[in-house]
Amino acid sequence: MRANSLRAARLALGLTQQELAKRFGVSRQSVNNWENEHARVPEWVPDQLGWIEQAHARESIALPKHRAGVKGERRGPYDVGKHKQVDNA
């Protein structure tokens, strides 16, 4: 993923660098470094952005309560709603 693609995706989601960093579990400076090409964007970022985009899409559709957060439902390696890594093993 290129730096400008990361920035465009972040802005499309309406997130600040700080908010995205919190969701990724990294510092705001890391996100800033990626966007300004001071560091390479890690290979896992596109996947994580995909999970965040899916979560935003689900929120805008307003899932019925019985589907939202069903125990055992795989949301990906990153639980966007809780801002922490989850173990889906």
PDB file of N, CA and C in Angstrom:
ATOM      1  N   MET A   1       0.847  -1.171   0.000  1.00  0.00           N
ATOM      2  CA  MET A   1       0.000   0.000   0.000  1.00  0.00           C
ATOM      3  C   MET A   1       0.896   1.238   0.000  1.00  0.00           C
ATOM      4  N   ARG A   2       0.510   2.187  -0.769  1.00  0.00           N
ATOM      5  CA  ARG A   2       1.269   3.431  -0.851  1.00  0.00           C
ATOM      6  C   ARG A   2       0.787   4.419   0.200  1.00  0.00           C
ATOM      7  N   ALA A   3       1.644   5.352   0.545  1.00  0.00           N
ATOM      8  CA  ALA A   3       1.349   6.340   1.582  1.00  0.00           C
ATOM      9  C   ALA A   3       0.102   7.157   1.252  1.00  0.00           C
ATOM     10  N   ASN A   4      -0.019   7.583  -0.017  1.00  0.00           N
ATOM     11  CA  ASN A   4      -1.183   8.397  -0.380  1.00  0.00           C
ATOM     12  C   ASN A   4      -2.480   7.586  -0.329  1.00  0.00           C
ATOM     13  N   SER A   5      -2.393   6.289  -0.563  1.00  0.00           N
ATOM     14  CA  SER A   5      -3.578   5.431  -0.459  1.00  0.00           C
ATOM     15  C   SER A   5      -4.011   5.295   0.994  1.00  0.00           C
ATOM     16  N   LEU A   6      -3.040   5.179   1.880  1.00  0.00           N
ATOM     17  CA  LEU A   6      -3.345   5.089   3.310  1.00  0.00           C
ATOM     18  C   LEU A   6      -4.044   6.356   3.774  1.00  0.00           C
ATOM     19  N   ARG A   7      -3.489   7.482   3.408  1.00  0.00           N
ATOM     20  CA  ARG A   7      -4.080   8.769   3.813  1.00  0.00           C
ATOM     21  C   ARG A   7      -5.495   8.908   3.257  1.00  0.00           C
ATOM     22  N   ALA A   8      -5.679   8.568   1.975  1.00  0.00           N
ATOM     23  CA  ALA A   8      -7.004   8.673   1.357  1.00  0.00           C
ATOM     24  C   ALA A   8      -8.012   7.762   2.061  1.00  0.00           C
ATOM     25  N   ALA A   9      -7.588   6.546   2.391  1.00  0.00           N
ATOM     26  CA  ALA A   9      -8.477   5.608   3.086  1.00  0.00           C
ATOM     27  C   ALA A   9      -8.837   6.130   4.471  1.00  0.00           C
ATOM     28  N   ARG A  10      -7.849   6.666   5.176  1.00  0.00           N
ATOM     29  CA  ARG A  10      -8.093   7.204   6.523  1.00  0.00           C
ATOM     30  C   ARG A  10      -9.076   8.359   6.469  1.00  0.00           C
ATOM     31  N   LEU A  11      -8.875   9.262   5.529  1.00  0.00           N
ATOM     32  CA  LEU A  11      -9.767  10.410   5.401  1.00  0.00           C
ATOM     33  C   LEU A  11     -11.172   9.984   4.979  1.00  0.00           C
ATOM     34  N   ALA A  12     -11.265   8.988   4.094  1.00  0.00           N
ATOM     35  CA  ALA A  12     -12.569   8.493   3.669  1.00  0.00           C
ATOM     36  C   ALA A  12     -13.345   7.893   4.845  1.00  0.00           C
ATOM     37  N   LEU A  13     -12.622   7.330   5.801  1.00  0.00           N
ATOM     38  CA  LEU A  13     -13.254   6.771   6.996  1.00  0.00           C
ATOM     39  C   LEU A  13     -13.556   7.839   8.036  1.00  0.00           C
ATOM     40  N   GLY A  14     -13.070   9.054   7.796  1.00  0.00           N
ATOM     41  CA  GLY A  14     -13.308  10.144   8.727  1.00  0.00           C
ATOM     42  C   GLY A  14     -12.509  10.025  10.012  1.00  0.00           C
ATOM     43  N   LEU A  15     -11.322   9.420   9.921  1.00  0.00           N
ATOM     44  CA  LEU A  15     -10.494   9.205  11.103  1.00  0.00           C
ATOM     45  C   LEU A  15      -9.296  10.134  11.104  1.00  0.00           C
ATOM     46  N   THR A  16      -8.898  10.564  12.287  1.00  0.00           N
ATOM     47  CA  THR A  16      -7.651  11.313  12.433  1.00  0.00           C
ATOM     48  C   THR A  16      -6.508  10.302  12.495  1.00  0.00           C
ATOM     49  N   GLN A  17      -5.288  10.798  12.389  1.00  0.00           N
ATOM     50  CA  GLN A  17      -4.134   9.908  12.534  1.00  0.00           C
ATOM     51  C   GLN A  17      -4.148   9.265  13.912  1.00  0.00           C
ATOM     52  N   GLN A  18      -4.518  10.025  14.932  1.00  0.00           N
ATOM     53  CA  GLN A  18      -4.559   9.499  16.298  1.00  0.00           C
ATOM     54  C   GLN A  18      -5.591   8.379  16.420  1.00  0.00           C
ATOM     55  N   GLU A  19      -6.762   8.569  15.836  1.00  0.00           N
ATOM     56  CA  GLU A  19      -7.815   7.545  15.904  1.00  0.00           C
ATOM     57  C   GLU A  19      -7.401   6.271  15.171  1.00  0.00           C
ATOM     58  N   LEU A  20      -6.798   6.432  13.995  1.00  0.00           N
ATOM     59  CA  LEU A  20      -6.352   5.265  13.254  1.00  0.00           C
ATOM     60  C   LEU A  20      -5.230   4.544  14.006  1.00  0.00           C
ATOM     61  N   ALA A  21      -4.325   5.305  14.571  1.00  0.00           N
ATOM     62  CA  ALA A  21      -3.233   4.712  15.345  1.00  0.00           C
ATOM     63  C   ALA A  21      -3.784   3.904  16.511  1.00  0.00           C
ATOM     64  N   LYS A  22      -4.785   4.420  17.171  1.00  0.00           N
ATOM     65  CA  LYS A  22      -5.378   3.712  18.305  1.00  0.00           C
ATOM     66  C   LYS A  22      -6.011   2.403  17.847  1.00  0.00           C
ATOM     67  N   ARG A  23      -6.680   2.429  16.720  1.00  0.00           N
ATOM     68  CA  ARG A  23      -7.297   1.213  16.189  1.00  0.00           C
ATOM     69  C   ARG A  23      -6.256   0.185  15.757  1.00  0.00           C
ATOM     70  N   PHE A  24      -5.117   0.655  15.285  1.00  0.00           N
ATOM     71  CA  PHE A  24      -4.038  -0.244  14.869  1.00  0.00           C
ATOM     72  C   PHE A  24      -3.170  -0.685  16.039  1.00  0.00           C
ATOM     73  N   GLY A  25      -3.248   0.026  17.148  1.00  0.00           N
ATOM     74  CA  GLY A  25      -2.396  -0.298  18.283  1.00  0.00           C
ATOM     75  C   GLY A  25      -0.969   0.177  18.099  1.00  0.00           C
ATOM     76  N   VAL A  26      -0.819   1.292  17.388  1.00  0.00           N
ATOM     77  CA  VAL A  26       0.500   1.893  17.166  1.00  0.00           C
ATOM     78  C   VAL A  26       0.425   3.362  17.581  1.00  0.00           C
ATOM     79  N   SER A  27       1.544   4.049  17.499  1.00  0.00           N
ATOM     80  CA  SER A  27       1.556   5.474  17.849  1.00  0.00           C
ATOM     81  C   SER A  27       1.053   6.315  16.674  1.00  0.00           C
ATOM     82  N   ARG A  28       0.610   7.529  17.004  1.00  0.00           N
ATOM     83  CA  ARG A  28       0.198   8.462  15.962  1.00  0.00           C
ATOM     84  C   ARG A  28       1.391   8.783  15.069  1.00  0.00           C
ATOM     85  N   GLN A  29       2.578   8.836  15.663  1.00  0.00           N
ATOM     86  CA  GLN A  29       3.781   9.134  14.890  1.00  0.00           C
ATOM     87  C   GLN A  29       4.041   8.062  13.836  1.00  0.00           C
ATOM     88  N   SER A  30       3.722   6.806  14.142  1.00  0.00           N
ATOM     89  CA  SER A  30       3.890   5.733  13.153  1.00  0.00           C
ATOM     90  C   SER A  30       3.013   5.990  11.941  1.00  0.00           C
ATOM     91  N   VAL A  31       1.744   6.328  12.182  1.00  0.00           N
ATOM     92  CA  VAL A  31       0.825   6.616  11.076  1.00  0.00           C
ATOM     93  C   VAL A  31       1.332   7.817  10.286  1.00  0.00           C
ATOM     94  N   ASN A  32       1.790   8.844  10.995  1.00  0.00           N
ATOM     95  CA  ASN A  32       2.325  10.026  10.335  1.00  0.00           C
ATOM     96  C   ASN A  32       3.529   9.669   9.477  1.00  0.00           C
ATOM     97  N   ASN A  33       4.420   8.841  10.009  1.00  0.00           N
ATOM     98  CA  ASN A  33       5.608   8.426   9.250  1.00  0.00           C
ATOM     99  C   ASN A  33       5.226   7.658   7.997  1.00  0.00           C
ATOM    100  N   TRP A  34       4.216   6.801   8.094  1.00  0.00           N
ATOM    101  CA  TRP A  34       3.772   6.036   6.917  1.00  0.00           C
ATOM    102  C   TRP A  34       3.204   6.973   5.863  1.00  0.00           C
ATOM    103  N   GLU A  35       2.338   7.896   6.307  1.00  0.00           N
ATOM    104  CA  GLU A  35       1.683   8.793   5.352  1.00  0.00           C
ATOM    105  C   GLU A  35       2.654   9.759   4.691  1.00  0.00           C
ATOM    106  N   ASN A  36       3.709  10.115   5.394  1.00  0.00           N
ATOM    107  CA  ASN A  36       4.690  11.062   4.842  1.00  0.00           C
ATOM    108  C   ASN A  36       5.918  10.366   4.258  1.00  0.00           C
ATOM    109  N   GLU A  37       5.803   9.053   4.068  1.00  0.00           N
ATOM    110  CA  GLU A  37       6.838   8.237   3.447  1.00  0.00           C
ATOM    111  C   GLU A  37       8.183   8.294   4.165  1.00  0.00           C
ATOM    112  N   HIS A  38       8.135   8.461   5.496  1.00  0.00           N
ATOM    113  CA  HIS A  38       9.358   8.380   6.297  1.00  0.00           C
ATOM    114  C   HIS A  38       9.599   6.951   6.733  1.00  0.00           C
ATOM    115  N   ALA A  39       8.575   6.120   6.585  1.00  0.00           N
ATOM    116  CA  ALA A  39       8.673   4.693   6.891  1.00  0.00           C
ATOM    117  C   ALA A  39       7.720   3.958   5.955  1.00  0.00           C
ATOM    118  N   ARG A  40       8.070   2.709   5.658  1.00  0.00           N
ATOM    119  CA  ARG A  40       7.219   1.908   4.785  1.00  0.00           C
ATOM    120  C   ARG A  40       5.949   1.498   5.514  1.00  0.00           C
ATOM    121  N   VAL A  41       4.837   1.503   4.778  1.00  0.00           N
ATOM    122  CA  VAL A  41       3.566   1.047   5.335  1.00  0.00           C
ATOM    123  C   VAL A  41       3.671  -0.467   5.509  1.00  0.00           C
ATOM    124  N   PRO A  42       3.442  -0.981   6.724  1.00  0.00           N
ATOM    125  CA  PRO A  42       3.530  -2.427   6.944  1.00  0.00           C
ATOM    126  C   PRO A  42       2.540  -3.203   6.076  1.00  0.00           C
ATOM    127  N   GLU A  43       2.900  -4.441   5.779  1.00  0.00           N
ATOM    128  CA  GLU A  43       2.071  -5.277   4.905  1.00  0.00           C
ATOM    129  C   GLU A  43       0.693  -5.575   5.491  1.00  0.00           C
ATOM    130  N   TRP A  44       0.548  -5.520   6.811  1.00  0.00           N
ATOM    131  CA  TRP A  44      -0.724  -5.847   7.446  1.00  0.00           C
ATOM    132  C   TRP A  44      -1.730  -4.699   7.398  1.00  0.00           C
ATOM    133  N   VAL A  45      -1.303  -3.493   7.075  1.00  0.00           N
ATOM    134  CA  VAL A  45      -2.180  -2.325   7.099  1.00  0.00           C
ATOM    135  C   VAL A  45      -3.383  -2.453   6.151  1.00  0.00           C
ATOM    136  N   PRO A  46      -3.212  -2.875   4.893  1.00  0.00           N
ATOM    137  CA  PRO A  46      -4.389  -2.979   4.022  1.00  0.00           C
ATOM    138  C   PRO A  46      -5.463  -3.925   4.576  1.00  0.00           C
ATOM    139  N   ASP A  47      -5.044  -5.053   5.150  1.00  0.00           N
ATOM    140  CA  ASP A  47      -6.015  -5.976   5.739  1.00  0.00           C
ATOM    141  C   ASP A  47      -6.757  -5.324   6.893  1.00  0.00           C
ATOM    142  N   GLN A  48      -6.024  -4.649   7.749  1.00  0.00           N
ATOM    143  CA  GLN A  48      -6.649  -4.002   8.900  1.00  0.00           C
ATOM    144  C   GLN A  48      -7.594  -2.883   8.457  1.00  0.00           C
ATOM    145  N   LEU A  49      -7.200  -2.146   7.437  1.00  0.00           N
ATOM    146  CA  LEU A  49      -8.087  -1.103   6.912  1.00  0.00           C
ATOM    147  C   LEU A  49      -9.369  -1.716   6.368  1.00  0.00           C
ATOM    148  N   GLY A  50      -9.235  -2.878   5.744  1.00  0.00           N
ATOM    149  CA  GLY A  50     -10.424  -3.579   5.243  1.00  0.00           C
ATOM    150  C   GLY A  50     -11.390  -3.917   6.360  1.00  0.00           C
ATOM    151  N   TRP A  51     -10.847  -4.386   7.502  1.00  0.00           N
ATOM    152  CA  TRP A  51     -11.708  -4.707   8.647  1.00  0.00           C
ATOM    153  C   TRP A  51     -12.376  -3.450   9.190  1.00  0.00           C
ATOM    154  N   ILE A  52     -11.631  -2.352   9.238  1.00  0.00           N
ATOM    155  CA  ILE A  52     -12.196  -1.097   9.728  1.00  0.00           C
ATOM    156  C   ILE A  52     -13.291  -0.610   8.783  1.00  0.00           C
ATOM    157  N   GLU A  53     -13.045  -0.692   7.471  1.00  0.00           N
ATOM    158  CA  GLU A  53     -14.047  -0.282   6.489  1.00  0.00           C
ATOM    159  C   GLU A  53     -15.312  -1.125   6.608  1.00  0.00           C
ATOM    160  N   GLN A  54     -15.141  -2.429   6.812  1.00  0.00           N
ATOM    161  CA  GLN A  54     -16.306  -3.300   6.989  1.00  0.00           C
ATOM    162  C   GLN A  54     -17.089  -2.923   8.239  1.00  0.00           C
ATOM    163  N   ALA A  55     -16.375  -2.609   9.298  1.00  0.00           N
ATOM    164  CA  ALA A  55     -17.041  -2.218  10.544  1.00  0.00           C
ATOM    165  C   ALA A  55     -17.821  -0.925  10.344  1.00  0.00           C
ATOM    166  N   HIS A  56     -17.237   0.029   9.633  1.00  0.00           N
ATOM    167  CA  HIS A  56     -17.941   1.287   9.360  1.00  0.00           C
ATOM    168  C   HIS A  56     -19.179   1.031   8.505  1.00  0.00           C
ATOM    169  N   ALA A  57     -19.052   0.142   7.526  1.00  0.00           N
ATOM    170  CA  ALA A  57     -20.197  -0.174   6.668  1.00  0.00           C
ATOM    171  C   ALA A  57     -21.307  -0.826   7.480  1.00  0.00           C
ATOM    172  N   ARG A  58     -20.931  -1.745   8.373  1.00  0.00           N
ATOM    173  CA  ARG A  58     -21.935  -2.399   9.217  1.00  0.00           C
ATOM    174  C   ARG A  58     -22.618  -1.396  10.121  1.00  0.00           C
ATOM    175  N   GLU A  59     -21.865  -0.464  10.672  1.00  0.00           N
ATOM    176  CA  GLU A  59     -22.444   0.543  11.565  1.00  0.00           C
ATOM    177  C   GLU A  59     -23.428   1.428  10.809  1.00  0.00           C
ATOM    178  N   SER A  60     -23.110   1.762   9.561  1.00  0.00           N
ATOM    179  CA  SER A  60     -23.997   2.641   8.806  1.00  0.00           C
ATOM    180  C   SER A  60     -25.261   1.917   8.351  1.00  0.00           C
ATOM    181  N   ILE A  61     -25.190   0.593   8.220  1.00  0.00           N
ATOM    182  CA  ILE A  61     -26.363  -0.190   7.842  1.00  0.00           C
ATOM    183  C   ILE A  61     -27.246  -0.469   9.053  1.00  0.00           C
ATOM    184  N   ALA A  62     -26.687  -0.373  10.245  1.00  0.00           N
ATOM    185  CA  ALA A  62     -27.389  -0.646  11.506  1.00  0.00           C
ATOM    186  C   ALA A  62     -27.878  -2.087  11.542  1.00  0.00           C
ATOM    187  N   LEU A  63     -26.965  -2.963  11.863  1.00  0.00           N
ATOM    188  CA  LEU A  63     -27.297  -4.379  11.969  1.00  0.00           C
ATOM    189  C   LEU A  63     -28.356  -4.616  13.036  1.00  0.00           C
ATOM    190  N   PRO A  64     -29.201  -5.614  12.839  1.00  0.00           N
ATOM    191  CA  PRO A  64     -30.142  -5.981  13.892  1.00  0.00           C
ATOM    192  C   PRO A  64     -29.365  -6.416  15.127  1.00  0.00           C
ATOM    193  N   LYS A  65     -29.918  -6.175  16.305  1.00  0.00           N
ATOM    194  CA  LYS A  65     -29.202  -6.481  17.545  1.00  0.00           C
ATOM    195  C   LYS A  65     -28.792  -7.934  17.650  1.00  0.00           C
ATOM    196  N   HIS A  66     -29.601  -8.860  17.141  1.00  0.00           N
ATOM    197  CA  HIS A  66     -29.248 -10.267  17.284  1.00  0.00           C
ATOM    198  C   HIS A  66     -28.017 -10.657  16.477  1.00  0.00           C
ATOM    199  N   ARG A  67     -27.589  -9.853  15.498  1.00  0.00           N
ATOM    200  CA  ARG A  67     -26.382 -10.148  14.710  1.00  0.00           C
ATOM    201  C   ARG A  67     -25.180  -9.357  15.199  1.00  0.00           C
ATOM    202  N   ALA A  68     -25.419  -8.248  15.813  1.00  0.00           N
ATOM    203  CA  ALA A  68     -24.302  -7.397  16.232  1.00  0.00           C
ATOM    204  C   ALA A  68     -23.571  -8.030  17.406  1.00  0.00           C
ATOM    205  N   GLY A  69     -22.317  -8.343  17.204  1.00  0.00           N
ATOM    206  CA  GLY A  69     -21.498  -8.866  18.279  1.00  0.00           C
ATOM    207  C   GLY A  69     -21.865 -10.265  18.733  1.00  0.00           C
ATOM    208  N   VAL A  70     -22.318 -11.104  17.814  1.00  0.00           N
ATOM    209  CA  VAL A  70     -22.646 -12.475  18.171  1.00  0.00           C
ATOM    210  C   VAL A  70     -21.385 -13.161  18.663  1.00  0.00           C
ATOM    211  N   LYS A  71     -21.471 -13.792  19.834  1.00  0.00           N
ATOM    212  CA  LYS A  71     -20.294 -14.439  20.405  1.00  0.00           C
ATOM    213  C   LYS A  71     -19.758 -15.484  19.431  1.00  0.00           C
ATOM    214  N   GLY A  72     -18.474 -15.454  19.220  1.00  0.00           N
ATOM    215  CA  GLY A  72     -17.828 -16.398  18.327  1.00  0.00           C
ATOM    216  C   GLY A  72     -17.795 -15.945  16.880  1.00  0.00           C
ATOM    217  N   GLU A  73     -18.467 -14.845  16.576  1.00  0.00           N
ATOM    218  CA  GLU A  73     -18.460 -14.342  15.205  1.00  0.00           C
ATOM    219  C   GLU A  73     -17.086 -13.751  14.911  1.00  0.00           C
ATOM    220  N   ARG A  74     -16.483 -14.200  13.847  1.00  0.00           N
ATOM    221  CA  ARG A  74     -15.149 -13.727  13.506  1.00  0.00           C
ATOM    222  C   ARG A  74     -15.242 -12.341  12.894  1.00  0.00           C
ATOM    223  N   ARG A  75     -14.567 -11.414  13.523  1.00  0.00           N
ATOM    224  CA  ARG A  75     -14.539 -10.046  13.030  1.00  0.00           C
ATOM    225  C   ARG A  75     -13.188  -9.729  12.430  1.00  0.00           C
ATOM    226  N   GLY A  76     -12.293 -10.687  12.444  1.00  0.00           N
ATOM    227  CA  GLY A  76     -10.952 -10.475  11.917  1.00  0.00           C
ATOM    228  C   GLY A  76      -9.960 -10.452  13.047  1.00  0.00           C
ATOM    229  N   PRO A  77      -8.688 -10.313  12.710  1.00  0.00           N
ATOM    230  CA  PRO A  77      -7.659 -10.345  13.739  1.00  0.00           C
ATOM    231  C   PRO A  77      -7.688  -9.100  14.621  1.00  0.00           C
ATOM    232  N   TYR A  78      -8.449  -8.107  14.196  1.00  0.00           N
ATOM    233  CA  TYR A  78      -8.482  -6.854  14.922  1.00  0.00           C
ATOM    234  C   TYR A  78      -9.920  -6.530  15.251  1.00  0.00           C
ATOM    235  N   ASP A  79     -10.235  -6.397  16.513  1.00  0.00           N
ATOM    236  CA  ASP A  79     -11.588  -6.064  16.928  1.00  0.00           C
ATOM    237  C   ASP A  79     -11.722  -4.554  16.913  1.00  0.00           C
ATOM    238  N   VAL A  80     -12.234  -4.028  15.808  1.00  0.00           N
ATOM    239  CA  VAL A  80     -12.294  -2.587  15.586  1.00  0.00           C
ATOM    240  C   VAL A  80     -13.108  -1.886  16.662  1.00  0.00           C
ATOM    241  N   GLY A  81     -14.171  -2.506  17.117  1.00  0.00           N
ATOM    242  CA  GLY A  81     -15.024  -1.879  18.105  1.00  0.00           C
ATOM    243  C   GLY A  81     -14.382  -1.721  19.462  1.00  0.00           C
ATOM    244  N   LYS A  82     -13.405  -2.552  19.778  1.00  0.00           N
ATOM    245  CA  LYS A  82     -12.807  -2.510  21.100  1.00  0.00           C
ATOM    246  C   LYS A  82     -11.360  -2.047  21.088  1.00  0.00           C
ATOM    247  N   HIS A  83     -10.806  -1.744  19.918  1.00  0.00           N
ATOM    248  CA  HIS A  83      -9.457  -1.239  19.772  1.00  0.00           C
ATOM    249  C   HIS A  83      -8.395  -2.128  20.393  1.00  0.00           C
ATOM    250  N   LYS A  84      -8.502  -3.411  20.205  1.00  0.00           N
ATOM    251  CA  LYS A  84      -7.474  -4.314  20.729  1.00  0.00           C
ATOM    252  C   LYS A  84      -7.423  -5.579  19.897  1.00  0.00           C
ATOM    253  N   GLN A  85      -6.328  -6.256  19.999  1.00  0.00           N
ATOM    254  CA  GLN A  85      -6.173  -7.524  19.319  1.00  0.00           C
ATOM    255  C   GLN A  85      -7.081  -8.562  19.980  1.00  0.00           C
ATOM    256  N   VAL A  86      -7.630  -9.436  19.188  1.00  0.00           N
ATOM    257  CA  VAL A  86      -8.434 -10.518  19.725  1.00  0.00           C
ATOM    258  C   VAL A  86      -7.883 -11.835  19.219  1.00  0.00           C
ATOM    259  N   ASP A  87      -8.103 -12.881  19.970  1.00  0.00           N
ATOM    260  CA  ASP A  87      -7.626 -14.202  19.600  1.00  0.00           C
ATOM    261  C   ASP A  87      -8.791 -14.988  19.040  1.00  0.00           C
ATOM    262  N   ASN A  88      -8.773 -15.219  17.731  1.00  0.00           N
ATOM    263  CA  ASN A  88      -9.858 -15.961  17.080  1.00  0.00           C
ATOM    264  C   ASN A  88      -9.466 -17.393  16.805  1.00  0.00           C
ATOM    265  N   ALA A  89      -8.532 -17.928  17.545  1.00  0.00           N
ATOM    266  CA  ALA A  89      -8.067 -19.296  17.316  1.00  0.00           C
ATOM    267  C   ALA A  89      -9.092 -20.303  17.734  1.00  0.00           C
TER     268      ALA A  89
END
